[in-house]
Amino acid sequence: MIDLGKIQKEIYQNKVDKGFNVTDINKEFCLTYGEVSEAYEAWRKKKDDLGEELADVAIYLLGLSEILKIDLEDEILKKVYKNSKREYKIIDGVNTRIKEYEKK
């Protein structure tokens, strides 16, 4: 199993060690968006580097999470659980949420 918390810290340290941005949050969001765009283009054009582009997206998200002091692994686990408790129904051809997760 992968330890996202450990990798998150390693990604951040690599950014520091290599002199990459760790302070400009706006820039990090823009760079992350750019990586998502590159992954989409790789998929759309059926390029062989789609997996690498998706890895870049994950790396940017983990790095941004560490900069913001967010435990992304914990947030993902909570969100997956929350999504599993939501209920959906097809209404007029659209998958629509009909019941929200209720925190106890």
Protein backbone atom coordinates (compact mmCIF):
# COMPACT_ATOMS: atom_id res chain seq x y z
CA MET A 1 0.00 0.00 0.00
CA ILE A 2 1.13 3.52 -0.74
CA ASP A 3 1.67 5.98 2.13
CA LEU A 4 0.35 9.25 0.72
CA GLY A 5 1.41 11.19 3.81
CA LYS A 6 5.01 10.11 3.35
CA ILE A 7 4.98 10.76 -0.39
CA GLN A 8 3.34 14.16 0.19
CA LYS A 9 6.26 15.16 2.42
CA GLU A 10 8.82 13.76 -0.06
CA ILE A 11 7.26 15.74 -2.92
CA TYR A 12 7.36 18.93 -0.85
CA GLN A 13 10.99 18.33 0.16
CA ASN A 14 11.93 17.72 -3.48
CA LYS A 15 10.34 21.06 -4.41
CA VAL A 16 12.38 22.78 -1.68
CA ASP A 17 15.60 20.96 -2.61
CA LYS A 18 15.24 21.81 -6.31
CA GLY A 19 14.20 25.43 -5.76
CA PHE A 20 10.62 25.09 -6.95
CA ASN A 21 7.79 27.26 -5.66
CA VAL A 22 6.45 26.48 -2.19
CA THR A 23 4.98 29.86 -1.27
CA ASP A 24 2.84 31.17 -4.14
CA ILE A 25 -0.45 29.28 -3.75
CA ASN A 26 -2.05 30.90 -6.80
CA LYS A 27 0.87 29.75 -8.93
CA GLU A 28 0.59 26.19 -7.59
CA PHE A 29 -3.12 26.03 -8.44
CA CYS A 30 -2.36 27.30 -11.95
CA LEU A 31 0.44 24.76 -12.41
CA THR A 32 -1.85 21.98 -11.17
CA TYR A 33 -4.51 23.09 -13.62
CA GLY A 34 -1.88 23.02 -16.37
CA GLU A 35 -1.00 19.44 -15.50
CA VAL A 36 -4.67 18.41 -15.68
CA SER A 37 -4.82 20.05 -19.10
CA GLU A 38 -1.72 18.14 -20.25
CA ALA A 39 -3.26 14.86 -19.04
CA TYR A 40 -6.47 15.62 -20.91
CA GLU A 41 -4.53 16.38 -24.09
CA ALA A 42 -2.57 13.14 -23.74
CA TRP A 43 -5.84 11.23 -23.39
CA ARG A 44 -7.54 13.11 -26.24
CA LYS A 45 -4.61 12.57 -28.60
CA LYS A 46 -4.10 8.97 -27.43
CA LYS A 47 -0.50 9.68 -26.44
CA ASP A 48 1.63 7.09 -24.69
CA ASP A 49 2.47 9.41 -21.77
CA LEU A 50 -1.04 9.63 -20.28
CA GLY A 51 0.02 7.73 -17.15
CA GLU A 52 2.96 10.06 -16.62
CA GLU A 53 0.72 13.10 -17.06
CA LEU A 54 -1.75 11.72 -14.50
CA ALA A 55 1.17 11.13 -12.14
CA ASP A 56 2.13 14.80 -12.58
CA VAL A 57 -1.40 15.81 -11.57
CA ALA A 58 -1.16 13.68 -8.42
CA ILE A 59 2.30 15.05 -7.62
CA TYR A 60 1.11 18.64 -7.91
CA LEU A 61 -1.95 17.91 -5.74
CA LEU A 62 0.18 16.26 -3.07
CA GLY A 63 2.71 19.08 -3.15
CA LEU A 64 0.00 21.71 -2.90
CA SER A 65 -1.59 19.81 -0.03
CA GLU A 66 1.68 19.79 1.88
CA ILE A 67 2.19 23.51 1.27
CA LEU A 68 -1.32 24.10 2.65
CA LYS A 69 -0.76 21.68 5.57
CA ILE A 70 -3.64 19.44 4.46
CA ASP A 71 -3.42 15.69 5.05
CA LEU A 72 -4.64 14.68 1.60
CA GLU A 73 -4.75 10.97 2.42
CA ASP A 74 -7.13 11.65 5.32
CA GLU A 75 -9.25 14.00 3.21
CA ILE A 76 -9.51 11.43 0.41
CA LEU A 77 -10.59 8.69 2.81
CA LYS A 78 -13.24 10.93 4.37
CA LYS A 79 -14.52 12.02 0.95
CA VAL A 80 -14.68 8.46 -0.41
CA TYR A 81 -16.73 7.45 2.63
CA LYS A 82 -18.99 10.50 2.26
CA ASN A 83 -19.55 9.75 -1.43
CA SER A 84 -20.38 6.11 -0.64
CA LYS A 85 -23.25 7.24 1.61
CA ARG A 86 -24.84 9.59 -0.94
CA GLU A 87 -27.77 8.34 -3.00
CA TYR A 88 -28.41 9.15 -6.66
CA LYS A 89 -31.24 8.70 -9.10
CA ILE A 90 -31.46 9.25 -12.85
CA ILE A 91 -33.81 12.20 -13.34
CA ASP A 92 -34.44 13.36 -16.91
CA GLY A 93 -31.31 11.50 -18.02
CA VAL A 94 -29.09 13.13 -15.38
CA ASN A 95 -27.58 11.27 -12.43
CA THR A 96 -28.85 13.51 -9.61
CA ARG A 97 -28.00 13.36 -5.91
CA ILE A 98 -31.18 12.73 -3.94
CA LYS A 99 -29.72 12.08 -0.49
CA GLU A 100 -26.72 13.77 1.10
CA TYR A 101 -24.39 12.12 3.59
CA GLU A 102 -25.41 13.05 7.12
CA LYS A 103 -22.58 13.36 9.59
CA LYS A 104 -23.32 11.81 12.98
